[in-house]
Amino acid sequence: MASGWGITGNKGRCYDFWMDFSECMSHCREPKDCSLLREDYLECLHHSKEFQRRNRIYKEEQRKLRAASRKGEETGDATHTHH
């Protein structure tokens, strides 16, 4: 990855993030000074924050659908009690 070459022979998608992080690490006093750049680089590689966000959105959508379904069942039960 650090070579800069991607799988197709072009510049890798995370190479710019790597260069920023690498440059910071070579000039910083403490590694923690570069923690945000490291975080950006790792996110580019693994997309973990993106996947967490997608999962939270999906779970919220499912929760809303279940709530709407339950509300519809309750309303449906009340209308069908007088046969």
PDB file of N, CA and C in Angstrom:
ATOM      1  N   MET A   1       0.817  -1.197   0.000  1.00  0.00           N
ATOM      2  CA  MET A   1       0.000   0.000   0.000  1.00  0.00           C
ATOM      3  C   MET A   1       0.849   1.245   0.000  1.00  0.00           C
ATOM      4  N   ALA A   2       1.868   1.264   0.819  1.00  0.00           N
ATOM      5  CA  ALA A   2       2.675   2.463   0.957  1.00  0.00           C
ATOM      6  C   ALA A   2       3.476   2.768  -0.308  1.00  0.00           C
ATOM      7  N   SER A   3       3.572   1.794  -1.220  1.00  0.00           N
ATOM      8  CA  SER A   3       4.306   2.042  -2.450  1.00  0.00           C
ATOM      9  C   SER A   3       3.567   3.049  -3.324  1.00  0.00           C
ATOM     10  N   GLY A   4       2.266   3.175  -3.114  1.00  0.00           N
ATOM     11  CA  GLY A   4       1.472   4.118  -3.892  1.00  0.00           C
ATOM     12  C   GLY A   4       0.760   3.505  -5.066  1.00  0.00           C
ATOM     13  N   TRP A   5       1.060   2.248  -5.380  1.00  0.00           N
ATOM     14  CA  TRP A   5       0.422   1.596  -6.512  1.00  0.00           C
ATOM     15  C   TRP A   5      -0.805   0.840  -6.064  1.00  0.00           C
ATOM     16  N   GLY A   6      -1.898   1.077  -6.770  1.00  0.00           N
ATOM     17  CA  GLY A   6      -3.132   0.368  -6.478  1.00  0.00           C
ATOM     18  C   GLY A   6      -3.201  -0.925  -7.249  1.00  0.00           C
ATOM     19  N   ILE A   7      -4.292  -1.616  -7.110  1.00  0.00           N
ATOM     20  CA  ILE A   7      -4.467  -2.921  -7.733  1.00  0.00           C
ATOM     21  C   ILE A   7      -4.516  -2.826  -9.260  1.00  0.00           C
ATOM     22  N   THR A   8      -4.942  -1.685  -9.793  1.00  0.00           N
ATOM     23  CA  THR A   8      -5.033  -1.525 -11.246  1.00  0.00           C
ATOM     24  C   THR A   8      -3.774  -0.902 -11.845  1.00  0.00           C
ATOM     25  N   GLY A   9      -2.781  -0.640 -11.017  1.00  0.00           N
ATOM     26  CA  GLY A   9      -1.547  -0.041 -11.513  1.00  0.00           C
ATOM     27  C   GLY A   9      -1.510   1.468 -11.387  1.00  0.00           C
ATOM     28  N   ASN A  10      -2.635   2.060 -11.033  1.00  0.00           N
ATOM     29  CA  ASN A  10      -2.687   3.499 -10.806  1.00  0.00           C
ATOM     30  C   ASN A  10      -2.379   3.788  -9.342  1.00  0.00           C
ATOM     31  N   LYS A  11      -2.427   5.057  -9.008  1.00  0.00           N
ATOM     32  CA  LYS A  11      -2.214   5.434  -7.614  1.00  0.00           C
ATOM     33  C   LYS A  11      -3.314   4.823  -6.757  1.00  0.00           C
ATOM     34  N   GLY A  12      -2.954   4.254  -5.633  1.00  0.00           N
ATOM     35  CA  GLY A  12      -3.916   3.626  -4.731  1.00  0.00           C
ATOM     36  C   GLY A  12      -4.899   4.633  -4.171  1.00  0.00           C
ATOM     37  N   ARG A  13      -6.103   4.176  -3.859  1.00  0.00           N
ATOM     38  CA  ARG A  13      -7.150   5.091  -3.404  1.00  0.00           C
ATOM     39  C   ARG A  13      -6.815   5.744  -2.079  1.00  0.00           C
ATOM     40  N   CYS A  14      -6.006   5.108  -1.255  1.00  0.00           N
ATOM     41  CA  CYS A  14      -5.678   5.655   0.062  1.00  0.00           C
ATOM     42  C   CYS A  14      -4.267   6.232   0.123  1.00  0.00           C
ATOM     43  N   TYR A  15      -3.608   6.296  -1.010  1.00  0.00           N
ATOM     44  CA  TYR A  15      -2.213   6.741  -1.021  1.00  0.00           C
ATOM     45  C   TYR A  15      -2.061   8.157  -0.482  1.00  0.00           C
ATOM     46  N   ASP A  16      -2.936   9.063  -0.862  1.00  0.00           N
ATOM     47  CA  ASP A  16      -2.829  10.445  -0.379  1.00  0.00           C
ATOM     48  C   ASP A  16      -2.989  10.515   1.138  1.00  0.00           C
ATOM     49  N   PHE A  17      -3.889   9.712   1.677  1.00  0.00           N
ATOM     50  CA  PHE A  17      -4.049   9.660   3.131  1.00  0.00           C
ATOM     51  C   PHE A  17      -2.777   9.119   3.786  1.00  0.00           C
ATOM     52  N   TRP A  18      -2.208   8.085   3.156  1.00  0.00           N
ATOM     53  CA  TRP A  18      -0.973   7.514   3.675  1.00  0.00           C
ATOM     54  C   TRP A  18       0.153   8.540   3.663  1.00  0.00           C
ATOM     55  N   MET A  19       0.274   9.281   2.580  1.00  0.00           N
ATOM     56  CA  MET A  19       1.346  10.274   2.483  1.00  0.00           C
ATOM     57  C   MET A  19       1.202  11.353   3.549  1.00  0.00           C
ATOM     58  N   ASP A  20      -0.028  11.829   3.768  1.00  0.00           N
ATOM     59  CA  ASP A  20      -0.267  12.834   4.811  1.00  0.00           C
ATOM     60  C   ASP A  20       0.117  12.282   6.182  1.00  0.00           C
ATOM     61  N   PHE A  21      -0.313  11.073   6.477  1.00  0.00           N
ATOM     62  CA  PHE A  21      -0.007  10.450   7.755  1.00  0.00           C
ATOM     63  C   PHE A  21       1.495  10.222   7.904  1.00  0.00           C
ATOM     64  N   SER A  22       2.113   9.702   6.873  1.00  0.00           N
ATOM     65  CA  SER A  22       3.541   9.416   6.903  1.00  0.00           C
ATOM     66  C   SER A  22       4.362  10.692   7.104  1.00  0.00           C
ATOM     67  N   GLU A  23       3.985  11.740   6.397  1.00  0.00           N
ATOM     68  CA  GLU A  23       4.693  13.019   6.537  1.00  0.00           C
ATOM     69  C   GLU A  23       4.541  13.564   7.959  1.00  0.00           C
ATOM     70  N   CYS A  24       3.351  13.476   8.497  1.00  0.00           N
ATOM     71  CA  CYS A  24       3.111  13.922   9.867  1.00  0.00           C
ATOM     72  C   CYS A  24       3.982  13.138  10.847  1.00  0.00           C
ATOM     73  N   MET A  25       4.011  11.819  10.680  1.00  0.00           N
ATOM     74  CA  MET A  25       4.789  10.979  11.593  1.00  0.00           C
ATOM     75  C   MET A  25       6.285  11.293  11.527  1.00  0.00           C
ATOM     76  N   SER A  26       6.757  11.704  10.366  1.00  0.00           N
ATOM     77  CA  SER A  26       8.187  11.986  10.244  1.00  0.00           C
ATOM     78  C   SER A  26       8.565  13.339  10.847  1.00  0.00           C
ATOM     79  N   HIS A  27       7.569  14.197  11.110  1.00  0.00           N
ATOM     80  CA  HIS A  27       7.853  15.527  11.655  1.00  0.00           C
ATOM     81  C   HIS A  27       7.281  15.776  13.046  1.00  0.00           C
ATOM     82  N   CYS A  28       6.492  14.872  13.560  1.00  0.00           N
ATOM     83  CA  CYS A  28       5.804  15.127  14.827  1.00  0.00           C
ATOM     84  C   CYS A  28       6.700  14.829  16.026  1.00  0.00           C
ATOM     85  N   ARG A  29       6.309  15.411  17.151  1.00  0.00           N
ATOM     86  CA  ARG A  29       7.029  15.159  18.402  1.00  0.00           C
ATOM     87  C   ARG A  29       6.530  13.868  19.056  1.00  0.00           C
ATOM     88  N   GLU A  30       5.220  13.660  18.978  1.00  0.00           N
ATOM     89  CA  GLU A  30       4.605  12.461  19.552  1.00  0.00           C
ATOM     90  C   GLU A  30       3.645  11.860  18.529  1.00  0.00           C
ATOM     91  N   PRO A  31       3.574  10.538  18.468  1.00  0.00           N
ATOM     92  CA  PRO A  31       2.664   9.898  17.504  1.00  0.00           C
ATOM     93  C   PRO A  31       1.207  10.335  17.646  1.00  0.00           C
ATOM     94  N   LYS A  32       0.787  10.670  18.867  1.00  0.00           N
ATOM     95  CA  LYS A  32      -0.611  11.080  19.050  1.00  0.00           C
ATOM     96  C   LYS A  32      -0.930  12.368  18.305  1.00  0.00           C
ATOM     97  N   ASP A  33       0.094  13.142  17.941  1.00  0.00           N
ATOM     98  CA  ASP A  33      -0.130  14.365  17.161  1.00  0.00           C
ATOM     99  C   ASP A  33      -0.703  14.055  15.780  1.00  0.00           C
ATOM    100  N   CYS A  34      -0.505  12.843  15.320  1.00  0.00           N
ATOM    101  CA  CYS A  34      -0.964  12.440  13.987  1.00  0.00           C
ATOM    102  C   CYS A  34      -2.176  11.510  14.051  1.00  0.00           C
ATOM    103  N   SER A  35      -2.836  11.445  15.181  1.00  0.00           N
ATOM    104  CA  SER A  35      -3.914  10.469  15.354  1.00  0.00           C
ATOM    105  C   SER A  35      -5.069  10.694  14.387  1.00  0.00           C
ATOM    106  N   LEU A  36      -5.407  11.943  14.093  1.00  0.00           N
ATOM    107  CA  LEU A  36      -6.515  12.193  13.158  1.00  0.00           C
ATOM    108  C   LEU A  36      -6.157  11.754  11.737  1.00  0.00           C
ATOM    109  N   LEU A  37      -4.915  11.991  11.338  1.00  0.00           N
ATOM    110  CA  LEU A  37      -4.487  11.549  10.005  1.00  0.00           C
ATOM    111  C   LEU A  37      -4.441  10.027   9.934  1.00  0.00           C
ATOM    112  N   ARG A  38      -4.025   9.389  11.017  1.00  0.00           N
ATOM    113  CA  ARG A  38      -4.025   7.924  11.073  1.00  0.00           C
ATOM    114  C   ARG A  38      -5.451   7.398  10.961  1.00  0.00           C
ATOM    115  N   GLU A  39      -6.355   8.035  11.666  1.00  0.00           N
ATOM    116  CA  GLU A  39      -7.760   7.645  11.635  1.00  0.00           C
ATOM    117  C   GLU A  39      -8.322   7.765  10.214  1.00  0.00           C
ATOM    118  N   ASP A  40      -7.986   8.861   9.521  1.00  0.00           N
ATOM    119  CA  ASP A  40      -8.446   9.043   8.142  1.00  0.00           C
ATOM    120  C   ASP A  40      -7.896   7.953   7.227  1.00  0.00           C
ATOM    121  N   TYR A  41      -6.618   7.633   7.396  1.00  0.00           N
ATOM    122  CA  TYR A  41      -5.995   6.603   6.572  1.00  0.00           C
ATOM    123  C   TYR A  41      -6.655   5.241   6.808  1.00  0.00           C
ATOM    124  N   LEU A  42      -6.857   4.886   8.071  1.00  0.00           N
ATOM    125  CA  LEU A  42      -7.478   3.598   8.382  1.00  0.00           C
ATOM    126  C   LEU A  42      -8.929   3.537   7.911  1.00  0.00           C
ATOM    127  N   GLU A  43      -9.627   4.660   7.987  1.00  0.00           N
ATOM    128  CA  GLU A  43     -11.008   4.693   7.474  1.00  0.00           C
ATOM    129  C   GLU A  43     -11.015   4.467   5.968  1.00  0.00           C
ATOM    130  N   CYS A  44     -10.059   5.066   5.279  1.00  0.00           N
ATOM    131  CA  CYS A  44      -9.964   4.855   3.834  1.00  0.00           C
ATOM    132  C   CYS A  44      -9.726   3.382   3.522  1.00  0.00           C
ATOM    133  N   LEU A  45      -8.884   2.738   4.300  1.00  0.00           N
ATOM    134  CA  LEU A  45      -8.582   1.328   4.058  1.00  0.00           C
ATOM    135  C   LEU A  45      -9.750   0.413   4.377  1.00  0.00           C
ATOM    136  N   HIS A  46     -10.389   0.618   5.533  1.00  0.00           N
ATOM    137  CA  HIS A  46     -11.343  -0.364   6.052  1.00  0.00           C
ATOM    138  C   HIS A  46     -12.798   0.076   6.051  1.00  0.00           C
ATOM    139  N   HIS A  47     -13.078   1.347   5.937  1.00  0.00           N
ATOM    140  CA  HIS A  47     -14.445   1.898   5.923  1.00  0.00           C
ATOM    141  C   HIS A  47     -15.251   1.538   7.170  1.00  0.00           C
ATOM    142  N   SER A  48     -14.592   1.355   8.293  1.00  0.00           N
ATOM    143  CA  SER A  48     -15.309   0.896   9.492  1.00  0.00           C
ATOM    144  C   SER A  48     -16.327   1.918   9.992  1.00  0.00           C
ATOM    145  N   LYS A  49     -16.007   3.198   9.949  1.00  0.00           N
ATOM    146  CA  LYS A  49     -16.975   4.210  10.393  1.00  0.00           C
ATOM    147  C   LYS A  49     -18.169   4.266   9.437  1.00  0.00           C
ATOM    148  N   GLU A  50     -17.882   4.133   8.161  1.00  0.00           N
ATOM    149  CA  GLU A  50     -18.961   4.139   7.168  1.00  0.00           C
ATOM    150  C   GLU A  50     -19.914   2.972   7.411  1.00  0.00           C
ATOM    151  N   PHE A  51     -19.362   1.785   7.650  1.00  0.00           N
ATOM    152  CA  PHE A  51     -20.200   0.618   7.881  1.00  0.00           C
ATOM    153  C   PHE A  51     -20.997   0.747   9.174  1.00  0.00           C
ATOM    154  N   GLN A  52     -20.388   1.301  10.213  1.00  0.00           N
ATOM    155  CA  GLN A  52     -21.116   1.517  11.462  1.00  0.00           C
ATOM    156  C   GLN A  52     -22.276   2.464  11.240  1.00  0.00           C
ATOM    157  N   ARG A  53     -22.040   3.529  10.492  1.00  0.00           N
ATOM    158  CA  ARG A  53     -23.112   4.495  10.217  1.00  0.00           C
ATOM    159  C   ARG A  53     -24.231   3.835   9.409  1.00  0.00           C
ATOM    160  N   ARG A  54     -23.865   3.075   8.392  1.00  0.00           N
ATOM    161  CA  ARG A  54     -24.882   2.384   7.594  1.00  0.00           C
ATOM    162  C   ARG A  54     -25.707   1.429   8.446  1.00  0.00           C
ATOM    163  N   ASN A  55     -25.041   0.718   9.348  1.00  0.00           N
ATOM    164  CA  ASN A  55     -25.760  -0.212  10.227  1.00  0.00           C
ATOM    165  C   ASN A  55     -26.712   0.527  11.156  1.00  0.00           C
ATOM    166  N   ARG A  56     -26.284   1.667  11.706  1.00  0.00           N
ATOM    167  CA  ARG A  56     -27.175   2.443  12.573  1.00  0.00           C
ATOM    168  C   ARG A  56     -28.389   2.936  11.808  1.00  0.00           C
ATOM    169  N   ILE A  57     -28.173   3.400  10.577  1.00  0.00           N
ATOM    170  CA  ILE A  57     -29.283   3.877   9.751  1.00  0.00           C
ATOM    171  C   ILE A  57     -30.241   2.723   9.445  1.00  0.00           C
ATOM    172  N   TYR A  58     -29.698   1.573   9.077  1.00  0.00           N
ATOM    173  CA  TYR A  58     -30.520   0.406   8.766  1.00  0.00           C
ATOM    174  C   TYR A  58     -31.346  -0.020   9.982  1.00  0.00           C
ATOM    175  N   LYS A  59     -30.695  -0.077  11.143  1.00  0.00           N
ATOM    176  CA  LYS A  59     -31.414  -0.480  12.358  1.00  0.00           C
ATOM    177  C   LYS A  59     -32.521   0.500  12.698  1.00  0.00           C
ATOM    178  N   GLU A  60     -32.278   1.779  12.515  1.00  0.00           N
ATOM    179  CA  GLU A  60     -33.313   2.782  12.793  1.00  0.00           C
ATOM    180  C   GLU A  60     -34.479   2.640  11.815  1.00  0.00           C
ATOM    181  N   GLU A  61     -34.171   2.408  10.537  1.00  0.00           N
ATOM    182  CA  GLU A  61     -35.237   2.197   9.548  1.00  0.00           C
ATOM    183  C   GLU A  61     -36.072   0.972   9.918  1.00  0.00           C
ATOM    184  N   GLN A  62     -35.417  -0.104  10.327  1.00  0.00           N
ATOM    185  CA  GLN A  62     -36.134  -1.316  10.718  1.00  0.00           C
ATOM    186  C   GLN A  62     -36.988  -1.075  11.955  1.00  0.00           C
ATOM    187  N   ARG A  63     -36.460  -0.321  12.911  1.00  0.00           N
ATOM    188  CA  ARG A  63     -37.215   0.001  14.115  1.00  0.00           C
ATOM    189  C   ARG A  63     -38.473   0.775  13.761  1.00  0.00           C
ATOM    190  N   LYS A  64     -38.348   1.748  12.847  1.00  0.00           N
ATOM    191  CA  LYS A  64     -39.505   2.549  12.433  1.00  0.00           C
ATOM    192  C   LYS A  64     -40.536   1.696  11.700  1.00  0.00           C
ATOM    193  N   LEU A  65     -40.070   0.782  10.862  1.00  0.00           N
ATOM    194  CA  LEU A  65     -40.989  -0.104  10.155  1.00  0.00           C
ATOM    195  C   LEU A  65     -41.744  -1.010  11.120  1.00  0.00           C
ATOM    196  N   ARG A  66     -41.035  -1.555  12.115  1.00  0.00           N
ATOM    197  CA  ARG A  66     -41.697  -2.402  13.111  1.00  0.00           C
ATOM    198  C   ARG A  66     -42.716  -1.604  13.910  1.00  0.00           C
ATOM    199  N   ALA A  67     -42.354  -0.371  14.277  1.00  0.00           N
ATOM    200  CA  ALA A  67     -43.278   0.471  15.048  1.00  0.00           C
ATOM    201  C   ALA A  67     -44.519   0.792  14.224  1.00  0.00           C
ATOM    202  N   ALA A  68     -44.326   1.092  12.943  1.00  0.00           N
ATOM    203  CA  ALA A  68     -45.467   1.390  12.077  1.00  0.00           C
ATOM    204  C   ALA A  68     -46.332   0.148  11.893  1.00  0.00           C
ATOM    205  N   SER A  69     -45.721  -1.000  11.783  1.00  0.00           N
ATOM    206  CA  SER A  69     -46.457  -2.251  11.627  1.00  0.00           C
ATOM    207  C   SER A  69     -47.285  -2.539  12.873  1.00  0.00           C
ATOM    208  N   ARG A  70     -46.669  -2.356  14.050  1.00  0.00           N
ATOM    209  CA  ARG A  70     -47.404  -2.572  15.304  1.00  0.00           C
ATOM    210  C   ARG A  70     -48.566  -1.601  15.439  1.00  0.00           C
ATOM    211  N   LYS A  71     -48.340  -0.362  15.052  1.00  0.00           N
ATOM    212  CA  LYS A  71     -49.405   0.641  15.133  1.00  0.00           C
ATOM    213  C   LYS A  71     -50.543   0.273  14.188  1.00  0.00           C
ATOM    214  N   GLY A  72     -50.203  -0.223  13.001  1.00  0.00           N
ATOM    215  CA  GLY A  72     -51.217  -0.652  12.044  1.00  0.00           C
ATOM    216  C   GLY A  72     -51.999  -1.842  12.549  1.00  0.00           C
ATOM    217  N   GLU A  73     -51.339  -2.777  13.224  1.00  0.00           N
ATOM    218  CA  GLU A  73     -52.029  -3.937  13.784  1.00  0.00           C
ATOM    219  C   GLU A  73     -52.985  -3.525  14.892  1.00  0.00           C
ATOM    220  N   GLU A  74     -52.548  -2.589  15.736  1.00  0.00           N
ATOM    221  CA  GLU A  74     -53.412  -2.117  16.816  1.00  0.00           C
ATOM    222  C   GLU A  74     -54.644  -1.419  16.258  1.00  0.00           C
ATOM    223  N   THR A  75     -54.466  -0.605  15.247  1.00  0.00           N
ATOM    224  CA  THR A  75     -55.575   0.096  14.611  1.00  0.00           C
ATOM    225  C   THR A  75     -56.497  -0.907  13.922  1.00  0.00           C
ATOM    226  N   GLY A  76     -55.913  -1.891  13.269  1.00  0.00           N
ATOM    227  CA  GLY A  76     -56.700  -2.916  12.594  1.00  0.00           C
ATOM    228  C   GLY A  76     -57.498  -3.750  13.560  1.00  0.00           C
ATOM    229  N   ASP A  77     -56.955  -4.064  14.722  1.00  0.00           N
ATOM    230  CA  ASP A  77     -57.673  -4.846  15.732  1.00  0.00           C
ATOM    231  C   ASP A  77     -58.870  -4.087  16.266  1.00  0.00           C
ATOM    232  N   ALA A  78     -58.718  -2.815  16.458  1.00  0.00           N
ATOM    233  CA  ALA A  78     -59.818  -2.002  17.020  1.00  0.00           C
ATOM    234  C   ALA A  78     -60.981  -1.900  16.046  1.00  0.00           C
ATOM    235  N   THR A  79     -60.739  -1.895  14.764  1.00  0.00           N
ATOM    236  CA  THR A  79     -61.805  -1.742  13.785  1.00  0.00           C
ATOM    237  C   THR A  79     -62.540  -3.040  13.533  1.00  0.00           C
ATOM    238  N   HIS A  80     -61.915  -4.182  13.837  1.00  0.00           N
ATOM    239  CA  HIS A  80     -62.529  -5.463  13.567  1.00  0.00           C
ATOM    240  C   HIS A  80     -63.117  -6.127  14.803  1.00  0.00           C
ATOM    241  N   THR A  81     -63.277  -5.446  15.890  1.00  0.00           N
ATOM    242  CA  THR A  81     -63.806  -6.066  17.109  1.00  0.00           C
ATOM    243  C   THR A  81     -65.317  -6.213  17.077  1.00  0.00           C
ATOM    244  N   HIS A  82     -66.035  -5.430  16.252  1.00  0.00           N
ATOM    245  CA  HIS A  82     -67.491  -5.507  16.199  1.00  0.00           C
ATOM    246  C   HIS A  82     -67.930  -6.261  14.946  1.00  0.00           C
ATOM    247  N   HIS A  83     -68.092  -7.579  15.056  1.00  0.00           N
ATOM    248  CA  HIS A  83     -68.522  -8.383  13.909  1.00  0.00           C
ATOM    249  C   HIS A  83     -69.970  -8.678  13.969  1.00  0.00           C
TER     250      HIS A  83
END
